[in-house]
N, C-alpha and C. Protein backbone atom coordinates (compact mmCIF):
# COMPACT_ATOMS: atom_id res chain seq x y z
N SER A 1 -30.84 -0.91 2.64
CA SER A 1 -30.28 -1.17 1.32
C SER A 1 -31.29 -1.89 0.45
N ILE A 2 -31.17 -1.69 -0.83
CA ILE A 2 -32.10 -2.30 -1.78
C ILE A 2 -31.37 -3.29 -2.68
N ILE A 3 -32.14 -4.21 -3.24
CA ILE A 3 -31.58 -5.19 -4.17
C ILE A 3 -31.30 -4.48 -5.50
N PRO A 4 -30.05 -4.46 -5.94
CA PRO A 4 -29.73 -3.73 -7.16
C PRO A 4 -30.25 -4.44 -8.41
N ASP A 5 -30.54 -3.63 -9.42
CA ASP A 5 -30.90 -4.17 -10.73
C ASP A 5 -30.15 -3.38 -11.80
N GLU A 6 -30.48 -3.59 -13.06
CA GLU A 6 -29.72 -2.97 -14.15
C GLU A 6 -29.76 -1.45 -14.13
N SER A 7 -30.75 -0.87 -13.46
CA SER A 7 -30.81 0.59 -13.37
C SER A 7 -29.81 1.14 -12.35
N ASP A 8 -29.16 0.26 -11.60
CA ASP A 8 -28.25 0.68 -10.54
C ASP A 8 -26.78 0.47 -10.89
N ILE A 9 -26.47 0.15 -12.14
CA ILE A 9 -25.08 -0.16 -12.50
C ILE A 9 -24.24 1.11 -12.65
N VAL A 10 -22.94 0.95 -12.38
CA VAL A 10 -21.93 1.99 -12.57
C VAL A 10 -20.92 1.42 -13.55
N THR A 11 -20.68 2.11 -14.64
CA THR A 11 -19.74 1.60 -15.64
C THR A 11 -18.38 2.29 -15.50
N GLY A 12 -17.37 1.60 -16.00
CA GLY A 12 -16.01 2.13 -15.96
C GLY A 12 -15.05 1.14 -16.57
N ASP A 13 -13.76 1.38 -16.35
CA ASP A 13 -12.70 0.56 -16.93
C ASP A 13 -12.51 -0.74 -16.15
N LEU A 14 -12.53 -1.85 -16.85
CA LEU A 14 -12.33 -3.17 -16.24
C LEU A 14 -10.87 -3.59 -16.37
N ASN A 15 -10.01 -2.89 -15.64
CA ASN A 15 -8.61 -3.27 -15.58
C ASN A 15 -7.97 -3.30 -16.97
N GLU A 16 -8.28 -2.27 -17.76
CA GLU A 16 -7.78 -2.13 -19.13
C GLU A 16 -8.24 -3.25 -20.06
N ARG A 17 -9.38 -3.86 -19.74
CA ARG A 17 -9.96 -4.90 -20.60
C ARG A 17 -11.19 -4.38 -21.33
N GLY A 18 -11.49 -3.10 -21.16
CA GLY A 18 -12.65 -2.50 -21.80
C GLY A 18 -13.60 -1.91 -20.76
N GLU A 19 -14.65 -1.29 -21.26
CA GLU A 19 -15.65 -0.64 -20.43
C GLU A 19 -16.71 -1.66 -20.04
N GLY A 20 -17.08 -1.66 -18.76
CA GLY A 20 -18.10 -2.60 -18.29
C GLY A 20 -18.65 -2.18 -16.95
N VAL A 21 -19.38 -3.07 -16.33
CA VAL A 21 -20.02 -2.78 -15.05
C VAL A 21 -18.99 -2.99 -13.93
N VAL A 22 -18.55 -1.88 -13.34
CA VAL A 22 -17.54 -1.93 -12.28
C VAL A 22 -18.15 -1.76 -10.89
N GLY A 23 -19.42 -1.40 -10.84
CA GLY A 23 -20.08 -1.22 -9.57
C GLY A 23 -21.59 -1.27 -9.72
N VAL A 24 -22.25 -1.51 -8.60
CA VAL A 24 -23.71 -1.43 -8.55
C VAL A 24 -24.08 -0.70 -7.27
N MET A 25 -25.13 0.10 -7.35
CA MET A 25 -25.59 0.85 -6.19
C MET A 25 -26.71 0.07 -5.50
N SER A 26 -26.59 -0.02 -4.18
CA SER A 26 -27.64 -0.58 -3.34
C SER A 26 -28.01 0.52 -2.36
N GLY A 27 -29.04 1.28 -2.72
CA GLY A 27 -29.32 2.50 -1.96
C GLY A 27 -28.18 3.47 -2.19
N ARG A 28 -27.56 3.96 -1.11
CA ARG A 28 -26.43 4.88 -1.25
C ARG A 28 -25.09 4.16 -1.20
N SER A 29 -25.09 2.83 -1.05
CA SER A 29 -23.85 2.06 -0.97
C SER A 29 -23.47 1.52 -2.34
N ARG A 30 -22.18 1.68 -2.68
CA ARG A 30 -21.68 1.14 -3.94
C ARG A 30 -20.97 -0.18 -3.67
N ILE A 31 -21.34 -1.20 -4.42
CA ILE A 31 -20.73 -2.53 -4.33
C ILE A 31 -19.84 -2.71 -5.55
N SER A 32 -18.59 -3.08 -5.33
CA SER A 32 -17.67 -3.32 -6.45
C SER A 32 -16.67 -4.37 -6.04
N LEU A 33 -15.93 -4.88 -7.02
CA LEU A 33 -14.88 -5.87 -6.76
C LEU A 33 -13.60 -5.16 -6.35
N HIS A 34 -12.89 -5.72 -5.38
CA HIS A 34 -11.56 -5.22 -5.05
C HIS A 34 -10.63 -5.54 -6.21
N LYS A 35 -9.53 -4.80 -6.27
CA LYS A 35 -8.58 -4.95 -7.39
C LYS A 35 -8.09 -6.39 -7.55
N GLY A 36 -7.73 -7.04 -6.45
CA GLY A 36 -7.25 -8.42 -6.53
C GLY A 36 -8.34 -9.39 -6.94
N SER A 37 -9.57 -9.12 -6.53
CA SER A 37 -10.69 -9.97 -6.93
C SER A 37 -10.90 -9.91 -8.44
N LEU A 38 -10.87 -8.68 -8.97
CA LEU A 38 -11.03 -8.52 -10.41
C LEU A 38 -9.88 -9.19 -11.16
N LEU A 39 -8.66 -8.99 -10.68
CA LEU A 39 -7.49 -9.63 -11.30
C LEU A 39 -7.62 -11.15 -11.27
N ALA A 40 -8.01 -11.70 -10.13
CA ALA A 40 -8.16 -13.15 -9.99
C ALA A 40 -9.23 -13.68 -10.94
N LEU A 41 -10.37 -12.99 -10.99
CA LEU A 41 -11.45 -13.47 -11.85
C LEU A 41 -11.12 -13.30 -13.33
N GLN A 42 -10.38 -12.25 -13.68
CA GLN A 42 -9.95 -12.11 -15.08
C GLN A 42 -8.96 -13.21 -15.46
N SER A 43 -8.04 -13.54 -14.56
CA SER A 43 -7.12 -14.66 -14.82
C SER A 43 -7.90 -15.96 -14.98
N HIS A 44 -8.89 -16.12 -14.15
CA HIS A 44 -9.74 -17.32 -14.23
C HIS A 44 -10.52 -17.33 -15.55
N HIS A 45 -11.07 -16.19 -15.93
CA HIS A 45 -11.79 -16.08 -17.20
C HIS A 45 -10.90 -16.49 -18.37
N ASP A 46 -9.63 -16.09 -18.29
CA ASP A 46 -8.67 -16.38 -19.37
C ASP A 46 -8.11 -17.80 -19.30
N LYS A 47 -8.57 -18.58 -18.34
CA LYS A 47 -8.14 -19.97 -18.13
C LYS A 47 -6.64 -20.08 -17.88
N LYS A 48 -6.13 -19.11 -17.11
CA LYS A 48 -4.71 -19.12 -16.76
C LYS A 48 -4.37 -20.30 -15.87
N TYR A 49 -5.33 -20.75 -15.08
CA TYR A 49 -5.13 -21.89 -14.19
C TYR A 49 -6.15 -22.97 -14.59
N PRO A 50 -5.79 -23.85 -15.53
CA PRO A 50 -6.73 -24.84 -16.05
C PRO A 50 -7.33 -25.71 -14.94
N ASN A 51 -8.55 -26.12 -15.15
CA ASN A 51 -9.29 -26.99 -14.23
C ASN A 51 -9.64 -26.34 -12.90
N THR A 52 -9.45 -25.04 -12.80
CA THR A 52 -9.80 -24.31 -11.60
C THR A 52 -11.28 -23.96 -11.61
N LYS A 53 -11.89 -24.03 -10.44
CA LYS A 53 -13.28 -23.61 -10.28
C LYS A 53 -13.36 -22.67 -9.10
N VAL A 54 -14.29 -21.73 -9.16
CA VAL A 54 -14.46 -20.73 -8.12
C VAL A 54 -15.85 -20.87 -7.52
N CYS A 55 -15.94 -20.65 -6.20
CA CYS A 55 -17.24 -20.55 -5.55
C CYS A 55 -17.09 -19.61 -4.36
N PHE A 56 -18.21 -19.25 -3.75
CA PHE A 56 -18.20 -18.27 -2.68
C PHE A 56 -18.74 -18.86 -1.39
N ALA A 57 -18.08 -18.49 -0.29
CA ALA A 57 -18.53 -18.82 1.07
C ALA A 57 -18.64 -17.50 1.81
N SER A 58 -19.85 -17.00 1.94
CA SER A 58 -20.06 -15.69 2.54
C SER A 58 -20.98 -15.80 3.75
N SER A 59 -20.68 -15.05 4.78
CA SER A 59 -21.56 -15.05 5.96
C SER A 59 -22.39 -13.77 6.00
N ALA A 60 -22.96 -13.39 4.86
CA ALA A 60 -23.88 -12.25 4.82
C ALA A 60 -24.89 -12.42 5.95
N ASP A 61 -25.11 -11.35 6.71
CA ASP A 61 -25.80 -11.51 7.99
C ASP A 61 -27.32 -11.48 7.97
N THR A 62 -27.94 -11.12 6.87
CA THR A 62 -29.41 -11.14 6.82
C THR A 62 -29.86 -11.71 5.47
N PRO A 63 -31.10 -12.19 5.39
CA PRO A 63 -31.61 -12.65 4.09
C PRO A 63 -31.55 -11.55 3.02
N GLN A 64 -31.78 -10.30 3.42
CA GLN A 64 -31.70 -9.19 2.47
C GLN A 64 -30.27 -9.02 1.97
N ALA A 65 -29.29 -9.13 2.87
CA ALA A 65 -27.88 -9.02 2.45
C ALA A 65 -27.53 -10.14 1.47
N GLU A 66 -28.07 -11.34 1.68
CA GLU A 66 -27.85 -12.45 0.75
C GLU A 66 -28.40 -12.11 -0.63
N ARG A 67 -29.62 -11.59 -0.66
CA ARG A 67 -30.25 -11.24 -1.95
C ARG A 67 -29.46 -10.14 -2.66
N ILE A 68 -29.00 -9.16 -1.90
CA ILE A 68 -28.22 -8.06 -2.47
C ILE A 68 -26.90 -8.61 -3.05
N GLY A 69 -26.24 -9.48 -2.31
CA GLY A 69 -24.98 -10.05 -2.77
C GLY A 69 -25.14 -10.84 -4.06
N ARG A 70 -26.14 -11.70 -4.11
CA ARG A 70 -26.38 -12.49 -5.32
C ARG A 70 -26.73 -11.59 -6.51
N ALA A 71 -27.55 -10.57 -6.26
CA ALA A 71 -27.92 -9.65 -7.34
C ALA A 71 -26.69 -8.92 -7.87
N ALA A 72 -25.81 -8.49 -6.96
CA ALA A 72 -24.59 -7.78 -7.38
C ALA A 72 -23.71 -8.69 -8.23
N LEU A 73 -23.57 -9.96 -7.85
CA LEU A 73 -22.75 -10.90 -8.62
C LEU A 73 -23.30 -11.12 -10.03
N LYS A 74 -24.60 -10.95 -10.18
CA LYS A 74 -25.24 -11.12 -11.49
C LYS A 74 -25.10 -9.88 -12.37
N LEU A 75 -24.62 -8.77 -11.78
CA LEU A 75 -24.46 -7.52 -12.53
C LEU A 75 -23.00 -7.11 -12.74
N LEU A 76 -22.15 -7.32 -11.74
CA LEU A 76 -20.74 -6.93 -11.85
C LEU A 76 -20.05 -7.74 -12.93
N GLU A 77 -19.26 -7.07 -13.76
CA GLU A 77 -18.59 -7.76 -14.87
C GLU A 77 -17.11 -8.02 -14.59
N VAL A 78 -16.65 -9.14 -15.11
CA VAL A 78 -15.24 -9.52 -15.05
C VAL A 78 -14.53 -8.96 -16.27
N VAL A 79 -15.11 -9.17 -17.41
CA VAL A 79 -14.72 -8.55 -18.68
C VAL A 79 -16.04 -8.08 -19.31
N PRO A 80 -15.99 -7.17 -20.26
CA PRO A 80 -17.23 -6.69 -20.83
C PRO A 80 -18.11 -7.84 -21.35
N GLY A 81 -19.35 -7.87 -20.86
CA GLY A 81 -20.30 -8.87 -21.31
C GLY A 81 -20.33 -10.15 -20.49
N THR A 82 -19.40 -10.32 -19.56
CA THR A 82 -19.36 -11.53 -18.72
C THR A 82 -19.40 -11.12 -17.25
N THR A 83 -20.50 -11.48 -16.58
CA THR A 83 -20.62 -11.14 -15.17
C THR A 83 -19.91 -12.18 -14.30
N VAL A 84 -19.72 -11.83 -13.05
CA VAL A 84 -19.15 -12.78 -12.09
C VAL A 84 -20.02 -14.04 -12.06
N TRP A 85 -21.32 -13.86 -12.03
CA TRP A 85 -22.25 -15.00 -11.98
C TRP A 85 -22.12 -15.87 -13.23
N ASP A 86 -22.02 -15.23 -14.40
CA ASP A 86 -21.85 -15.98 -15.65
C ASP A 86 -20.63 -16.89 -15.56
N LEU A 87 -19.53 -16.34 -15.06
CA LEU A 87 -18.27 -17.07 -14.99
C LEU A 87 -18.31 -18.17 -13.94
N VAL A 88 -18.70 -17.81 -12.72
CA VAL A 88 -18.61 -18.74 -11.60
C VAL A 88 -19.71 -19.79 -11.62
N VAL A 89 -20.94 -19.35 -11.77
CA VAL A 89 -22.05 -20.31 -11.76
C VAL A 89 -22.24 -20.92 -13.15
N GLY A 90 -22.25 -20.07 -14.17
CA GLY A 90 -22.51 -20.55 -15.52
C GLY A 90 -21.42 -21.46 -16.06
N ARG A 91 -20.18 -20.97 -16.08
CA ARG A 91 -19.09 -21.76 -16.66
C ARG A 91 -18.57 -22.83 -15.71
N ASP A 92 -18.27 -22.43 -14.48
CA ASP A 92 -17.60 -23.37 -13.57
C ASP A 92 -18.49 -24.52 -13.12
N TRP A 93 -19.74 -24.22 -12.84
CA TRP A 93 -20.62 -25.24 -12.24
C TRP A 93 -21.82 -25.56 -13.12
N ASP A 94 -21.70 -25.29 -14.43
CA ASP A 94 -22.74 -25.63 -15.40
C ASP A 94 -24.12 -25.14 -14.99
N GLY A 95 -24.17 -23.94 -14.44
CA GLY A 95 -25.44 -23.32 -14.07
C GLY A 95 -25.95 -23.66 -12.68
N GLU A 96 -25.27 -24.55 -11.97
CA GLU A 96 -25.70 -24.91 -10.61
C GLU A 96 -25.08 -23.94 -9.61
N ASP A 97 -25.90 -23.35 -8.77
CA ASP A 97 -25.43 -22.41 -7.76
C ASP A 97 -24.97 -23.18 -6.53
N VAL A 98 -23.67 -23.46 -6.44
CA VAL A 98 -23.11 -24.18 -5.29
C VAL A 98 -22.66 -23.21 -4.20
N ASN A 99 -22.72 -21.91 -4.46
CA ASN A 99 -22.25 -20.91 -3.51
C ASN A 99 -23.01 -21.01 -2.20
N GLN A 100 -22.29 -20.80 -1.12
CA GLN A 100 -22.88 -20.82 0.22
C GLN A 100 -22.81 -19.39 0.76
N ILE A 101 -23.93 -18.69 0.59
CA ILE A 101 -23.99 -17.28 0.94
C ILE A 101 -25.02 -17.08 2.05
N GLY A 102 -24.59 -16.50 3.15
CA GLY A 102 -25.49 -16.18 4.25
C GLY A 102 -25.18 -16.96 5.50
N ARG A 103 -26.09 -16.84 6.47
CA ARG A 103 -25.94 -17.58 7.72
C ARG A 103 -27.29 -18.05 8.24
N GLN A 104 -28.27 -18.12 7.32
CA GLN A 104 -29.57 -18.68 7.69
C GLN A 104 -29.44 -20.20 7.66
N PRO A 105 -30.14 -20.92 8.54
CA PRO A 105 -30.04 -22.39 8.54
C PRO A 105 -30.29 -22.97 7.15
N PRO A 106 -29.49 -23.95 6.73
CA PRO A 106 -28.55 -24.74 7.53
C PRO A 106 -27.18 -24.08 7.70
N LEU A 107 -26.96 -22.88 7.15
CA LEU A 107 -25.68 -22.19 7.32
C LEU A 107 -25.66 -21.49 8.68
N SER A 108 -24.45 -21.06 9.08
CA SER A 108 -24.29 -20.34 10.34
C SER A 108 -23.19 -19.31 10.16
N ALA A 109 -22.87 -18.58 11.22
CA ALA A 109 -21.77 -17.62 11.15
C ALA A 109 -20.42 -18.32 11.11
N ASN A 110 -20.38 -19.62 11.44
CA ASN A 110 -19.13 -20.39 11.46
C ASN A 110 -18.96 -21.13 10.14
N LYS A 111 -18.17 -20.56 9.23
CA LYS A 111 -17.99 -21.15 7.90
C LYS A 111 -17.36 -22.54 7.96
N SER A 112 -16.52 -22.79 8.97
CA SER A 112 -15.86 -24.09 9.06
C SER A 112 -16.84 -25.20 9.42
N ALA A 113 -17.92 -24.85 10.09
CA ALA A 113 -18.91 -25.85 10.52
C ALA A 113 -20.02 -26.06 9.49
N THR A 114 -20.26 -25.06 8.65
CA THR A 114 -21.39 -25.18 7.72
C THR A 114 -21.00 -24.95 6.26
N HIS A 115 -20.51 -23.77 5.93
CA HIS A 115 -20.23 -23.44 4.53
C HIS A 115 -19.26 -24.43 3.87
N PHE A 116 -18.13 -24.69 4.53
CA PHE A 116 -17.12 -25.53 3.91
C PHE A 116 -17.52 -27.00 3.80
N PRO A 117 -18.11 -27.61 4.83
CA PRO A 117 -18.58 -28.98 4.65
C PRO A 117 -19.61 -29.11 3.52
N VAL A 118 -20.49 -28.11 3.39
CA VAL A 118 -21.48 -28.15 2.31
C VAL A 118 -20.78 -28.01 0.96
N LEU A 119 -19.82 -27.08 0.86
CA LEU A 119 -19.08 -26.92 -0.40
C LEU A 119 -18.31 -28.19 -0.75
N ARG A 120 -17.71 -28.81 0.24
CA ARG A 120 -16.95 -30.06 0.02
C ARG A 120 -17.86 -31.13 -0.56
N GLU A 121 -19.08 -31.23 -0.02
CA GLU A 121 -20.03 -32.23 -0.49
C GLU A 121 -20.58 -31.90 -1.88
N LEU A 122 -20.97 -30.66 -2.10
CA LEU A 122 -21.56 -30.28 -3.38
C LEU A 122 -20.57 -30.29 -4.53
N THR A 123 -19.35 -29.81 -4.27
CA THR A 123 -18.37 -29.66 -5.35
C THR A 123 -17.47 -30.88 -5.52
N ARG A 124 -17.35 -31.69 -4.48
CA ARG A 124 -16.45 -32.84 -4.45
C ARG A 124 -14.98 -32.42 -4.58
N VAL A 125 -14.71 -31.16 -4.25
CA VAL A 125 -13.34 -30.66 -4.22
C VAL A 125 -12.80 -30.89 -2.80
N ARG A 126 -11.66 -31.56 -2.72
CA ARG A 126 -11.05 -31.85 -1.42
C ARG A 126 -10.66 -30.55 -0.71
N TYR A 127 -10.71 -30.56 0.61
CA TYR A 127 -10.28 -29.38 1.37
C TYR A 127 -8.85 -28.99 1.03
N ASP A 128 -7.97 -29.98 0.86
CA ASP A 128 -6.57 -29.66 0.61
C ASP A 128 -6.30 -29.27 -0.84
N ARG A 129 -7.35 -29.02 -1.59
CA ARG A 129 -7.24 -28.49 -2.95
C ARG A 129 -7.97 -27.15 -3.08
N MET A 130 -8.31 -26.57 -1.93
CA MET A 130 -9.03 -25.29 -1.92
C MET A 130 -8.09 -24.16 -1.50
N LEU A 131 -8.37 -22.99 -2.06
CA LEU A 131 -7.69 -21.75 -1.70
C LEU A 131 -8.78 -20.77 -1.28
N PHE A 132 -8.69 -20.28 -0.04
CA PHE A 132 -9.76 -19.48 0.56
C PHE A 132 -9.23 -18.12 0.99
N PHE A 133 -9.87 -17.06 0.49
CA PHE A 133 -9.57 -15.69 0.89
C PHE A 133 -10.74 -15.19 1.71
N ASP A 134 -10.46 -14.54 2.84
CA ASP A 134 -11.55 -14.06 3.69
C ASP A 134 -11.25 -12.67 4.22
N ASP A 135 -12.26 -11.79 4.11
CA ASP A 135 -12.08 -10.40 4.51
C ASP A 135 -12.70 -10.06 5.86
N CYS A 136 -13.09 -11.06 6.63
CA CYS A 136 -13.75 -10.81 7.91
C CYS A 136 -12.84 -9.99 8.84
N GLN A 137 -13.42 -8.96 9.47
CA GLN A 137 -12.66 -8.14 10.40
C GLN A 137 -13.05 -8.41 11.86
N TRP A 138 -14.09 -9.19 12.09
CA TRP A 138 -14.55 -9.43 13.47
C TRP A 138 -14.23 -10.83 13.98
N GLY A 139 -13.62 -11.66 13.16
CA GLY A 139 -13.25 -13.01 13.58
C GLY A 139 -12.24 -13.60 12.62
N ASP A 140 -11.78 -14.79 12.93
CA ASP A 140 -10.76 -15.44 12.10
C ASP A 140 -11.33 -16.68 11.42
N HIS A 141 -12.08 -16.46 10.35
CA HIS A 141 -12.63 -17.59 9.58
C HIS A 141 -11.51 -18.44 9.01
N CYS A 142 -10.42 -17.81 8.60
CA CYS A 142 -9.31 -18.57 8.02
C CYS A 142 -8.76 -19.58 9.03
N GLY A 143 -8.49 -19.13 10.24
CA GLY A 143 -8.00 -20.03 11.28
C GLY A 143 -8.98 -21.14 11.60
N GLN A 144 -10.28 -20.80 11.68
CA GLN A 144 -11.30 -21.81 11.95
C GLN A 144 -11.33 -22.87 10.85
N VAL A 145 -11.29 -22.42 9.60
CA VAL A 145 -11.34 -23.35 8.47
C VAL A 145 -10.08 -24.21 8.44
N GLU A 146 -8.91 -23.61 8.67
CA GLU A 146 -7.66 -24.39 8.68
C GLU A 146 -7.69 -25.48 9.74
N ARG A 147 -8.23 -25.17 10.92
CA ARG A 147 -8.24 -26.14 12.03
C ARG A 147 -9.30 -27.22 11.86
N ALA A 148 -10.46 -26.86 11.31
CA ALA A 148 -11.59 -27.80 11.31
C ALA A 148 -11.79 -28.58 10.01
N CYS A 149 -11.33 -28.05 8.90
CA CYS A 149 -11.64 -28.66 7.60
C CYS A 149 -10.39 -29.30 7.01
N LYS A 150 -10.14 -30.54 7.41
CA LYS A 150 -8.93 -31.24 6.97
C LYS A 150 -9.29 -32.58 6.34
N GLU A 151 -8.47 -32.97 5.39
CA GLU A 151 -8.62 -34.28 4.78
C GLU A 151 -7.94 -35.33 5.66
N ARG A 152 -8.60 -36.46 5.85
CA ARG A 152 -8.06 -37.52 6.70
C ARG A 152 -6.70 -38.03 6.21
N GLU A 153 -6.59 -38.24 4.91
CA GLU A 153 -5.38 -38.85 4.37
C GLU A 153 -4.14 -37.96 4.51
N THR A 154 -4.31 -36.66 4.33
CA THR A 154 -3.16 -35.76 4.33
C THR A 154 -3.04 -34.94 5.61
N GLY A 155 -4.15 -34.78 6.32
CA GLY A 155 -4.16 -33.91 7.49
C GLY A 155 -4.14 -32.43 7.13
N ASN A 156 -4.30 -32.12 5.85
CA ASN A 156 -4.27 -30.74 5.38
C ASN A 156 -5.66 -30.25 5.02
N GLY A 157 -5.81 -28.95 5.13
CA GLY A 157 -7.06 -28.29 4.75
C GLY A 157 -6.79 -27.23 3.71
N PRO A 158 -7.74 -26.33 3.53
CA PRO A 158 -7.57 -25.27 2.55
C PRO A 158 -6.38 -24.36 2.88
N VAL A 159 -5.75 -23.84 1.85
CA VAL A 159 -4.81 -22.75 2.02
C VAL A 159 -5.66 -21.51 2.24
N THR A 160 -5.34 -20.74 3.26
CA THR A 160 -6.16 -19.57 3.57
C THR A 160 -5.32 -18.30 3.64
N ILE A 161 -5.94 -17.19 3.24
CA ILE A 161 -5.29 -15.88 3.29
C ILE A 161 -6.32 -14.89 3.84
N ARG A 162 -5.97 -14.23 4.93
CA ARG A 162 -6.84 -13.19 5.48
C ARG A 162 -6.66 -11.91 4.67
N THR A 163 -7.78 -11.27 4.33
CA THR A 163 -7.75 -10.04 3.55
C THR A 163 -8.68 -9.02 4.21
N PRO A 164 -8.36 -8.54 5.40
CA PRO A 164 -9.29 -7.67 6.14
C PRO A 164 -9.66 -6.37 5.43
N PHE A 165 -8.87 -5.98 4.45
CA PHE A 165 -9.18 -4.76 3.70
C PHE A 165 -9.58 -5.10 2.26
N GLY A 166 -9.97 -6.33 2.02
CA GLY A 166 -10.36 -6.77 0.69
C GLY A 166 -9.20 -7.43 -0.03
N LEU A 167 -9.51 -8.19 -1.05
CA LEU A 167 -8.49 -8.91 -1.80
C LEU A 167 -7.75 -7.97 -2.74
N GLY A 168 -6.49 -7.71 -2.43
CA GLY A 168 -5.65 -6.91 -3.29
C GLY A 168 -4.79 -7.79 -4.18
N ALA A 169 -4.09 -7.18 -5.11
CA ALA A 169 -3.23 -7.94 -6.02
C ALA A 169 -2.14 -8.67 -5.24
N GLU A 170 -1.63 -8.06 -4.16
CA GLU A 170 -0.57 -8.68 -3.37
C GLU A 170 -1.08 -9.94 -2.66
N GLU A 171 -2.28 -9.85 -2.09
CA GLU A 171 -2.86 -11.02 -1.40
C GLU A 171 -3.17 -12.14 -2.38
N TRP A 172 -3.60 -11.78 -3.58
CA TRP A 172 -3.85 -12.79 -4.62
C TRP A 172 -2.55 -13.52 -4.94
N ALA A 173 -1.46 -12.78 -5.15
CA ALA A 173 -0.17 -13.40 -5.45
C ALA A 173 0.31 -14.25 -4.27
N GLU A 174 0.11 -13.75 -3.04
CA GLU A 174 0.50 -14.51 -1.85
C GLU A 174 -0.26 -15.84 -1.77
N GLY A 175 -1.55 -15.80 -2.07
CA GLY A 175 -2.36 -17.02 -2.05
C GLY A 175 -1.89 -18.03 -3.07
N LEU A 176 -1.59 -17.56 -4.28
CA LEU A 176 -1.10 -18.46 -5.32
C LEU A 176 0.21 -19.12 -4.92
N ASP A 177 1.12 -18.31 -4.34
CA ASP A 177 2.42 -18.83 -3.92
C ASP A 177 2.27 -19.85 -2.80
N LYS A 178 1.46 -19.53 -1.81
CA LYS A 178 1.24 -20.43 -0.68
C LYS A 178 0.58 -21.74 -1.14
N TYR A 179 -0.37 -21.63 -2.07
CA TYR A 179 -1.03 -22.82 -2.60
C TYR A 179 -0.03 -23.69 -3.37
N ALA A 180 0.78 -23.06 -4.21
CA ALA A 180 1.77 -23.81 -5.00
C ALA A 180 2.73 -24.57 -4.09
N LYS A 181 3.18 -23.93 -3.02
CA LYS A 181 4.09 -24.60 -2.09
C LYS A 181 3.43 -25.79 -1.40
N MET A 182 2.16 -25.63 -1.00
CA MET A 182 1.46 -26.74 -0.37
C MET A 182 1.26 -27.88 -1.37
N PHE A 183 0.91 -27.52 -2.58
CA PHE A 183 0.68 -28.53 -3.61
C PHE A 183 1.96 -29.30 -3.89
N GLN A 184 3.07 -28.60 -4.00
CA GLN A 184 4.35 -29.27 -4.23
C GLN A 184 4.70 -30.19 -3.08
N ALA A 185 4.42 -29.76 -1.85
CA ALA A 185 4.71 -30.59 -0.68
C ALA A 185 3.86 -31.86 -0.68
N LEU A 186 2.62 -31.76 -1.15
CA LEU A 186 1.72 -32.92 -1.17
C LEU A 186 2.01 -33.85 -2.34
N ASP A 187 2.22 -33.26 -3.52
CA ASP A 187 2.31 -34.05 -4.74
C ASP A 187 3.69 -34.06 -5.39
N GLY A 188 4.60 -33.22 -4.92
CA GLY A 188 5.92 -33.16 -5.53
C GLY A 188 5.89 -32.70 -6.96
N SER A 189 4.96 -31.79 -7.29
CA SER A 189 4.78 -31.37 -8.67
C SER A 189 4.61 -29.87 -8.74
N ASP A 190 5.01 -29.28 -9.87
CA ASP A 190 4.77 -27.86 -10.10
C ASP A 190 3.44 -27.63 -10.80
N ASN A 191 2.83 -28.68 -11.33
CA ASN A 191 1.59 -28.56 -12.09
C ASN A 191 0.41 -28.68 -11.13
N TYR A 192 -0.22 -27.57 -10.82
CA TYR A 192 -1.31 -27.61 -9.85
C TYR A 192 -2.56 -26.92 -10.41
N ASP A 193 -3.67 -27.33 -9.90
CA ASP A 193 -4.94 -26.70 -10.20
C ASP A 193 -5.45 -26.08 -8.91
N ILE A 194 -6.06 -24.92 -9.03
CA ILE A 194 -6.55 -24.23 -7.85
C ILE A 194 -8.08 -24.36 -7.82
N LYS A 195 -8.59 -24.66 -6.68
CA LYS A 195 -10.03 -24.67 -6.47
C LYS A 195 -10.30 -23.60 -5.42
N LYS A 196 -10.73 -22.42 -5.85
CA LYS A 196 -10.92 -21.31 -4.92
C LYS A 196 -12.36 -21.30 -4.44
N CYS A 197 -12.50 -21.19 -3.15
CA CYS A 197 -13.83 -21.05 -2.57
C CYS A 197 -13.84 -19.88 -1.64
């Protein structure tokens, strides 16, 4: 696979928000956002959940896969003219790349041991204020993160949703509902902010 650039973009409809970059080619492989991912990022773009920030924890298995993933995020659009990278790195983190992508040291294949502790430190977002979606089909990152990444005061960690076939609209809604219930249990409030990693 090759690192995609602007000559590798595929344009199309962005969920009835206009024409934009819906895919990028890396060799013969097309990289695109799942329907729920696009819906989630468009809701985030529209500030539907105030004070929410997004970041990525990916166990891309080679340095080349890491480069391809980052390049794709810089090309794929959420709405016309705004890429995933613009939204997540540019708006959410003021240009700082806090994303933990790959498994080269200091990262590993175990997100609960490396990716999440690093994200907790860099973002200062508590584990029990995170919502994590994971599409891994060869292991249970969600279970590992739930068991290992907990706040001392509450004993709670991130809300997690397994998405082995990618993030669909149903899984996105399930994650929001599960997060809201946990937030209400912790704070007794309906007013919650989501920190998705």
